[in-house]
Amino acid sequence: MSTMTKPYDQWESYHDIDRYGKLTLSNIEFTTTNLCNMRCAHCAVGYTLQTKEAAAIPSEEIIKRLDSVETLRVMSFTGGEPLLTKRGIRDNLLPLLKYAKSRGIKTQINSNLTLPMSHYELVAPYLDVMHISHNWCDEKEFVETGFAMMEQKPSIEKRALLYRNILDNARELSKGGMFVSAETMLNRNTVPFIEKIHHEVANEMLCKRHEIHPMYASDFASALDVINLDEYRDVVNQILDFRNEDIWILFGTLPFYPCSTDERDKALLSRIYEASNITIRNDVDGRSRMNLNIFTGDVSVSDFTDDGAALGNIKTASLEEIYTKWLSTNISSSINCHCPAVKCLGPNIIVKNMYYPTQKFTSGTVKGDYSHA
């Protein structure tokens, strides 16, 4: 009898295929602030950050739109730093977190985890996942890279204190029972230190999960070098060799697919399929998730819209109408790939453009018994 375990990923887009037989709007990501106490060199939304917060749409109006989405099952909150101010927590976050709790919707906050513990205690009763970015090889890199795009930087001592806050907060929140998930982006800075980072996440920070994602060369990170597919494959194999088997590893947007004709890709995927406590997540952006900006009401699909503009606005359209509009776009159609045999939804548009610019992904390419996937 096999004792292999695969954790259940609430944010997996394929759950909608299993339940409804099609892509479905089940996931809303909220931009709840444009403020942040850091300016990381690899920030994917760096140019949207501000020094003063605009007035948000009343939560009652947002909740009315959410009420109509009967298929909603998960919600995420991002920024900026969503937990930066207690006023923002009270006015913008808590009403939506409490609403989600009342509907049985799972929630996640994306935080840099540098803030006083009192900020996290405010949301703890309503939160399912504390998602953090942890791309630091050491304190020195955090001090330099985490504030690289900031004109007037805090002192080195203050920046170093924030780094130590990350480690201490993660450990204390984990000990208190919170599900802390640390994400590391694979790039030329993190790859040489990925073993150190993993063991820090697992053994020092006591996180329940370590997420491994590609780095997207966009926004502040547009000048950074992404690793190529050979390098990516090598580092994933290394992670499988040294990983702590007690911590869940989630490969998000893994740029290797069962339809590959490269035997190295197939061998890597087999290792993952046959391993305990490791999962691969189909990308949620453009599949099950839309982003809602609580200040403007604009709804978008992260970096996916044709010209970077919003697909619609909740002041004039329902979330379901905007989602249907997205599915009819050329970009959505170009990445709407589905192989049921392996429950794979193919690459998102950024991965396709980065790694497979000329390749066409065709639905139903993979056939056969892949029940282990």
Protein backbone atom coordinates (compact mmCIF):
# COMPACT_ATOMS: atom_id res chain seq x y z
CA MET A 1 0.00 0.00 0.00
CA SER A 2 1.34 3.44 -0.94
CA THR A 3 1.78 5.93 1.88
CA MET A 4 2.53 8.85 -0.44
CA THR A 5 0.66 12.00 0.55
CA LYS A 6 -0.25 14.97 -1.62
CA PRO A 7 -1.54 18.00 0.32
CA TYR A 8 -4.79 19.58 -0.84
CA ASP A 9 -4.15 22.97 -2.45
CA GLN A 10 -7.22 25.18 -2.00
CA TRP A 11 -5.90 27.62 -4.64
CA GLU A 12 -5.55 25.00 -7.40
CA SER A 13 -7.51 26.08 -10.49
CA TYR A 14 -8.23 22.52 -11.58
CA HIS A 15 -10.69 22.07 -8.73
CA ASP A 16 -13.10 24.12 -10.85
CA ILE A 17 -12.64 21.81 -13.84
CA ASP A 18 -13.39 18.84 -11.60
CA ARG A 19 -16.50 20.49 -10.16
CA TYR A 20 -17.92 22.49 -13.08
CA GLY A 21 -16.22 21.01 -16.12
CA LYS A 22 -14.79 24.36 -17.20
CA LEU A 23 -12.74 27.37 -16.12
CA THR A 24 -14.70 29.23 -13.44
CA LEU A 25 -14.33 32.43 -11.45
CA SER A 26 -13.65 31.06 -7.98
CA ASN A 27 -10.78 33.25 -6.80
CA ILE A 28 -10.58 37.02 -6.26
CA GLU A 29 -7.31 38.78 -5.50
CA PHE A 30 -7.69 42.23 -3.96
CA THR A 31 -5.18 45.05 -4.26
CA THR A 32 -5.81 46.59 -0.85
CA THR A 33 -2.97 49.09 -0.67
CA ASN A 34 -0.42 50.91 -2.80
CA LEU A 35 1.84 51.54 0.21
CA CYS A 36 4.89 49.52 1.20
CA ASN A 37 7.76 49.95 3.63
CA MET A 38 10.17 48.36 1.14
CA ARG A 39 11.18 48.81 -2.51
CA CYS A 40 12.55 45.43 -3.60
CA ALA A 41 14.58 45.19 -6.80
CA HIS A 42 12.47 42.18 -7.87
CA CYS A 43 9.05 43.74 -7.08
CA ALA A 44 6.44 42.92 -9.72
CA VAL A 45 4.26 45.97 -8.88
CA GLY A 46 6.96 48.45 -7.91
CA TYR A 47 5.88 51.27 -10.20
CA THR A 48 2.35 51.26 -8.79
CA LEU A 49 3.54 51.95 -5.23
CA GLN A 50 2.67 55.33 -3.71
CA THR A 51 3.52 57.31 -0.60
CA LYS A 52 -0.07 58.34 0.12
CA GLU A 53 -3.16 56.13 0.08
CA ALA A 54 -6.26 56.99 -1.91
CA ALA A 55 -9.77 56.49 -0.54
CA ALA A 56 -11.11 52.96 -1.03
CA ILE A 57 -14.52 51.97 -2.35
CA PRO A 58 -16.78 51.24 0.66
CA SER A 59 -16.51 47.57 1.57
CA GLU A 60 -20.32 47.26 1.42
CA GLU A 61 -20.25 47.99 -2.32
CA ILE A 62 -17.48 45.45 -2.93
CA ILE A 63 -19.29 42.80 -0.89
CA LYS A 64 -22.46 43.29 -2.98
CA ARG A 65 -20.45 42.33 -6.05
CA LEU A 66 -18.93 39.35 -4.25
CA ASP A 67 -22.37 38.13 -3.17
CA SER A 68 -23.26 37.40 -6.79
CA VAL A 69 -20.24 35.12 -7.33
CA GLU A 70 -21.69 31.87 -6.04
CA THR A 71 -18.60 29.90 -7.11
CA LEU A 72 -16.19 32.00 -5.02
CA ARG A 73 -14.08 29.74 -2.80
CA VAL A 74 -10.77 31.56 -2.17
CA MET A 75 -9.66 35.18 -1.76
CA SER A 76 -6.18 36.74 -1.62
CA PHE A 77 -5.03 40.16 -0.45
CA THR A 78 -2.00 41.90 -1.87
CA GLY A 79 -0.48 45.33 -2.36
CA GLY A 80 1.97 46.92 -1.61
CA GLU A 81 2.08 45.64 1.92
CA PRO A 82 -1.54 44.93 2.98
CA LEU A 83 -0.71 44.98 6.70
CA LEU A 84 1.39 48.15 6.73
CA THR A 85 -1.06 50.35 8.67
CA LYS A 86 -3.61 49.42 11.30
CA ARG A 87 -6.03 51.84 9.71
CA GLY A 88 -5.73 49.98 6.40
CA ILE A 89 -6.21 46.68 8.22
CA ARG A 90 -9.31 47.96 10.00
CA ASP A 91 -10.93 49.75 7.05
CA ASN A 92 -9.86 47.71 4.01
CA LEU A 93 -8.90 44.22 5.13
CA LEU A 94 -11.01 43.15 8.08
CA PRO A 95 -14.44 43.71 6.48
CA LEU A 96 -13.48 41.46 3.57
CA LEU A 97 -11.79 38.87 5.78
CA LYS A 98 -14.84 38.67 8.04
CA TYR A 99 -17.10 38.39 4.99
CA ALA A 100 -15.00 35.51 3.66
CA LYS A 101 -15.14 33.78 7.02
CA SER A 102 -18.94 34.03 7.04
CA ARG A 103 -19.12 32.31 3.63
CA GLY A 104 -16.52 29.65 4.34
CA ILE A 105 -14.16 31.17 1.77
CA LYS A 106 -10.45 30.48 2.32
CA THR A 107 -8.19 33.54 2.60
CA GLN A 108 -4.54 34.45 2.05
CA ILE A 109 -2.59 37.65 2.73
CA ASN A 110 0.65 38.39 0.89
CA SER A 111 2.99 40.12 3.35
CA ASN A 112 6.70 40.85 3.65
CA LEU A 113 6.36 39.90 7.36
CA THR A 114 8.60 42.74 8.59
CA LEU A 115 6.00 44.49 10.74
CA PRO A 116 5.24 44.41 14.49
CA MET A 117 3.42 41.27 15.65
CA SER A 118 0.39 43.35 16.68
CA HIS A 119 -0.44 43.88 12.98
CA TYR A 120 -0.64 40.14 12.35
CA GLU A 121 -2.65 39.47 15.49
CA LEU A 122 -5.47 41.65 14.10
CA VAL A 123 -6.05 39.36 11.11
CA ALA A 124 -5.07 35.99 12.62
CA PRO A 125 -8.63 34.94 13.65
CA TYR A 126 -9.89 35.27 10.07
CA LEU A 127 -6.89 34.15 8.01
CA ASP A 128 -6.08 30.76 6.49
CA VAL A 129 -2.68 31.41 4.86
CA MET A 130 0.02 33.97 5.58
CA HIS A 131 1.95 34.08 2.32
CA ILE A 132 5.39 35.69 2.39
CA SER A 133 8.18 36.26 -0.10
CA HIS A 134 11.53 34.97 1.07
CA ASN A 135 14.24 35.51 -1.53
CA TRP A 136 17.08 36.52 0.77
CA CYS A 137 20.39 34.66 0.90
CA ASP A 138 21.40 36.65 3.99
CA GLU A 139 20.85 39.86 5.93
CA LYS A 140 23.23 41.86 3.74
CA GLU A 141 21.29 41.05 0.58
CA PHE A 142 18.01 41.98 2.24
CA VAL A 143 19.44 45.33 3.35
CA GLU A 144 20.62 46.07 -0.19
CA THR A 145 18.09 44.39 -2.51
CA GLY A 146 14.99 44.92 -0.37
CA PHE A 147 15.40 48.69 -0.56
CA ALA A 148 17.24 49.00 -3.87
CA MET A 149 14.54 51.13 -5.50
CA MET A 150 14.02 53.48 -2.52
CA GLU A 151 15.42 57.00 -2.81
CA GLN A 152 15.63 57.78 0.91
CA LYS A 153 16.49 54.53 2.63
CA PRO A 154 16.19 53.79 6.36
CA SER A 155 19.47 53.27 8.16
CA ILE A 156 21.25 49.96 7.67
CA GLU A 157 20.48 49.12 11.31
CA LYS A 158 16.74 49.64 10.81
CA ARG A 159 16.73 47.60 7.62
CA ALA A 160 18.61 44.79 9.34
CA LEU A 161 16.03 44.80 12.14
CA LEU A 162 13.26 44.27 9.57
CA TYR A 163 15.11 41.22 8.24
CA ARG A 164 15.28 39.71 11.71
CA ASN A 165 11.56 40.48 12.11
CA ILE A 166 10.80 38.20 9.16
CA LEU A 167 12.50 35.22 10.77
CA ASP A 168 11.09 35.90 14.24
CA ASN A 169 7.54 36.63 13.03
CA ALA A 170 7.41 33.55 10.81
CA ARG A 171 8.57 31.33 13.65
CA GLU A 172 6.17 32.81 16.22
CA LEU A 173 3.17 32.77 13.89
CA SER A 174 3.93 29.17 12.93
CA LYS A 175 4.25 28.15 16.56
CA GLY A 176 0.91 29.83 17.19
CA GLY A 177 -0.78 27.62 14.60
CA MET A 178 -0.86 29.92 11.58
CA PHE A 179 -0.19 28.37 8.16
CA VAL A 180 2.83 30.35 6.92
CA SER A 181 3.82 29.74 3.30
CA ALA A 182 7.12 31.18 2.06
CA GLU A 183 7.62 31.81 -1.66
CA THR A 184 11.04 31.89 -3.30
CA MET A 185 11.51 33.05 -6.88
CA LEU A 186 14.19 31.26 -8.86
CA ASN A 187 16.63 33.73 -10.39
CA ARG A 188 20.37 34.14 -10.63
CA ASN A 189 20.49 35.65 -7.14
CA THR A 190 18.51 32.96 -5.32
CA VAL A 191 19.60 29.77 -7.13
CA PRO A 192 23.12 29.64 -5.58
CA PHE A 193 21.56 29.89 -2.12
CA ILE A 194 18.38 27.86 -2.61
CA GLU A 195 19.45 25.05 -0.24
CA LYS A 196 20.22 27.55 2.52
CA ILE A 197 16.93 29.37 1.88
CA HIS A 198 14.95 26.12 1.97
CA HIS A 199 16.41 24.94 5.24
CA GLU A 200 15.87 28.40 6.74
CA VAL A 201 12.22 28.34 5.67
CA ALA A 202 11.71 24.81 7.02
CA ASN A 203 13.86 24.68 10.12
CA GLU A 204 14.27 28.24 11.38
CA MET A 205 11.05 29.92 10.25
CA LEU A 206 9.01 26.71 10.73
CA CYS A 207 6.86 27.43 7.67
CA LYS A 208 4.34 24.79 6.67
CA ARG A 209 5.02 25.25 2.96
CA HIS A 210 7.80 26.41 0.64
CA GLU A 211 6.58 27.69 -2.72
CA ILE A 212 8.99 27.71 -5.66
CA HIS A 213 8.13 30.03 -8.57
CA PRO A 214 9.91 31.48 -11.60
CA MET A 215 10.93 35.12 -11.47
CA TYR A 216 9.12 37.30 -13.96
CA ALA A 217 11.25 40.00 -15.56
CA SER A 218 8.63 42.74 -15.18
CA ASP A 219 8.29 46.11 -13.46
CA PHE A 220 11.23 46.71 -11.06
CA ALA A 221 12.57 43.26 -12.02
CA SER A 222 12.67 43.97 -15.76
CA ALA A 223 16.46 44.36 -15.68
CA LEU A 224 17.08 41.10 -13.81
CA ASP A 225 18.15 37.94 -15.63
CA VAL A 226 15.81 34.98 -15.59
CA ILE A 227 17.33 31.50 -15.52
CA ASN A 228 16.96 29.33 -18.62
CA LEU A 229 15.08 26.04 -18.75
CA ASP A 230 18.19 23.89 -18.32
CA GLU A 231 19.13 25.84 -15.19
CA TYR A 232 15.55 25.66 -13.93
CA ARG A 233 15.41 21.90 -14.41
CA ASP A 234 18.74 21.45 -12.64
CA VAL A 235 17.76 23.49 -9.59
CA VAL A 236 14.41 21.72 -9.21
CA ASN A 237 16.23 18.39 -9.24
CA GLN A 238 18.59 19.75 -6.60
CA ILE A 239 15.64 20.83 -4.45
CA LEU A 240 14.22 17.32 -4.69
CA ASP A 241 17.57 15.97 -3.49
CA PHE A 242 18.05 18.16 -0.41
CA ARG A 243 14.51 19.06 0.62
CA ASN A 244 13.14 18.61 4.11
CA GLU A 245 10.41 16.04 3.51
CA ASP A 246 8.35 17.32 6.44
CA ILE A 247 7.57 20.61 4.68
CA TRP A 248 5.16 20.86 1.75
CA ILE A 249 6.86 22.04 -1.44
CA LEU A 250 4.59 23.68 -4.00
CA PHE A 251 5.94 24.31 -7.49
CA GLY A 252 3.88 27.20 -8.82
CA THR A 253 3.87 27.89 -12.56
CA LEU A 254 6.43 25.14 -13.13
CA PRO A 255 7.61 25.62 -16.75
CA PHE A 256 7.72 21.89 -17.57
CA TYR A 257 4.76 19.98 -18.94
CA PRO A 258 3.78 16.33 -19.57
CA CYS A 259 3.46 17.07 -23.29
CA SER A 260 7.20 17.80 -23.50
CA THR A 261 9.25 15.68 -25.89
CA ASP A 262 12.35 16.21 -23.74
CA GLU A 263 13.03 13.09 -21.70
CA ARG A 264 14.66 15.23 -18.99
CA ASP A 265 11.38 17.06 -18.45
CA LYS A 266 9.47 13.78 -18.23
CA ALA A 267 11.98 12.40 -15.73
CA LEU A 268 11.69 15.51 -13.56
CA LEU A 269 7.90 15.40 -13.58
CA SER A 270 7.98 11.71 -12.66
CA ARG A 271 10.15 12.51 -9.65
CA ILE A 272 7.63 15.12 -8.52
CA TYR A 273 4.59 12.91 -9.14
CA GLU A 274 6.16 10.07 -7.17
CA ALA A 275 7.28 12.24 -4.23
CA SER A 276 5.37 12.72 -1.01
CA ASN A 277 4.41 16.22 0.17
CA ILE A 278 5.08 17.93 -3.20
CA THR A 279 2.49 19.47 -5.52
CA ILE A 280 2.42 21.42 -8.78
CA ARG A 281 -0.09 24.27 -9.05
CA ASN A 282 -1.73 25.25 -12.32
CA ASP A 283 -1.40 29.01 -12.57
CA VAL A 284 -4.47 30.74 -11.16
CA ASP A 285 -4.16 34.08 -12.99
CA GLY A 286 -6.43 34.03 -16.00
CA ARG A 287 -7.85 30.63 -15.06
CA SER A 288 -9.78 30.97 -11.82
CA ARG A 289 -8.63 34.38 -10.55
CA MET A 290 -9.26 38.04 -11.27
CA ASN A 291 -7.65 41.01 -9.51
CA LEU A 292 -9.89 43.71 -8.02
CA ASN A 293 -8.41 47.10 -7.12
CA ILE A 294 -10.41 48.34 -4.11
CA PHE A 295 -9.53 51.98 -4.83
CA THR A 296 -10.58 52.25 -8.46
CA GLY A 297 -12.89 49.24 -8.85
CA ASP A 298 -10.85 48.12 -11.85
CA VAL A 299 -10.72 44.39 -12.53
CA SER A 300 -7.76 42.88 -14.37
CA VAL A 301 -5.89 39.63 -14.79
CA SER A 302 -2.50 40.61 -13.40
CA ASP A 303 -0.15 41.03 -16.38
CA PHE A 304 -2.40 39.37 -18.93
CA THR A 305 -4.62 42.00 -20.52
CA ASP A 306 -3.81 42.96 -24.11
CA ASP A 307 -2.65 46.51 -23.39
CA GLY A 308 -2.23 46.41 -19.62
CA ALA A 309 -5.57 48.13 -19.08
CA ALA A 310 -8.38 46.89 -16.87
CA LEU A 311 -10.93 44.51 -18.37
CA GLY A 312 -13.78 46.27 -16.60
CA ASN A 313 -14.92 48.00 -13.43
CA ILE A 314 -17.28 46.79 -10.70
CA LYS A 315 -19.06 50.16 -10.79
CA THR A 316 -20.44 49.33 -14.22
CA ALA A 317 -20.27 45.53 -14.55
CA SER A 318 -20.49 42.39 -12.48
CA LEU A 319 -17.42 40.29 -11.77
CA GLU A 320 -18.93 37.43 -13.76
CA GLU A 321 -19.44 39.68 -16.80
CA ILE A 322 -15.85 40.87 -16.64
CA TYR A 323 -14.57 37.31 -16.26
CA THR A 324 -16.60 36.18 -19.29
CA LYS A 325 -15.13 39.09 -21.25
CA TRP A 326 -11.63 37.94 -20.30
CA LEU A 327 -12.28 34.38 -21.51
CA SER A 328 -13.23 35.76 -24.94
CA THR A 329 -9.97 37.69 -25.42
CA ASN A 330 -7.25 36.56 -27.79
CA ILE A 331 -4.74 36.23 -24.98
CA SER A 332 -7.02 34.00 -22.94
CA SER A 333 -7.68 31.81 -25.95
CA SER A 334 -3.95 31.54 -26.67
CA ILE A 335 -3.23 29.98 -23.25
CA ASN A 336 -6.49 28.09 -22.74
CA CYS A 337 -4.89 24.65 -22.97
CA HIS A 338 -6.20 21.57 -21.15
CA CYS A 339 -5.03 17.95 -20.91
CA PRO A 340 -7.45 16.07 -18.62
CA ALA A 341 -5.21 12.99 -18.41
CA VAL A 342 -2.70 14.95 -16.34
CA LYS A 343 -4.97 17.75 -15.09
CA CYS A 344 -2.69 20.29 -16.73
CA LEU A 345 -3.81 23.75 -17.89
CA GLY A 346 -0.56 24.65 -19.63
CA PRO A 347 1.60 27.77 -19.20
CA ASN A 348 0.45 31.26 -18.39
CA ILE A 349 1.24 33.97 -20.92
CA ILE A 350 4.40 35.18 -19.18
CA VAL A 351 5.94 31.70 -18.97
CA LYS A 352 4.96 31.01 -22.57
CA ASN A 353 6.58 34.25 -23.74
CA MET A 354 9.70 33.69 -21.62
CA TYR A 355 10.34 30.02 -22.33
CA TYR A 356 8.14 28.87 -25.23
CA PRO A 357 7.60 31.91 -27.51
CA THR A 358 7.16 29.88 -30.70
CA GLN A 359 5.54 26.73 -29.32
CA LYS A 360 1.83 26.05 -29.65
CA PHE A 361 0.26 24.14 -26.77
CA THR A 362 -2.61 21.91 -27.90
CA SER A 363 -5.36 20.61 -25.63
CA GLY A 364 -5.62 16.85 -25.28
CA THR A 365 -2.03 16.18 -26.34
CA VAL A 366 -1.36 13.97 -23.31
CA LYS A 367 -3.47 10.82 -23.08
CA GLY A 368 -3.43 7.67 -20.99
CA ASP A 369 -3.55 6.75 -17.33
CA TYR A 370 -1.86 9.44 -15.28
CA SER A 371 -3.81 8.98 -12.08
CA HIS A 372 -0.64 9.64 -10.06
CA ALA A 373 -0.59 13.23 -11.34
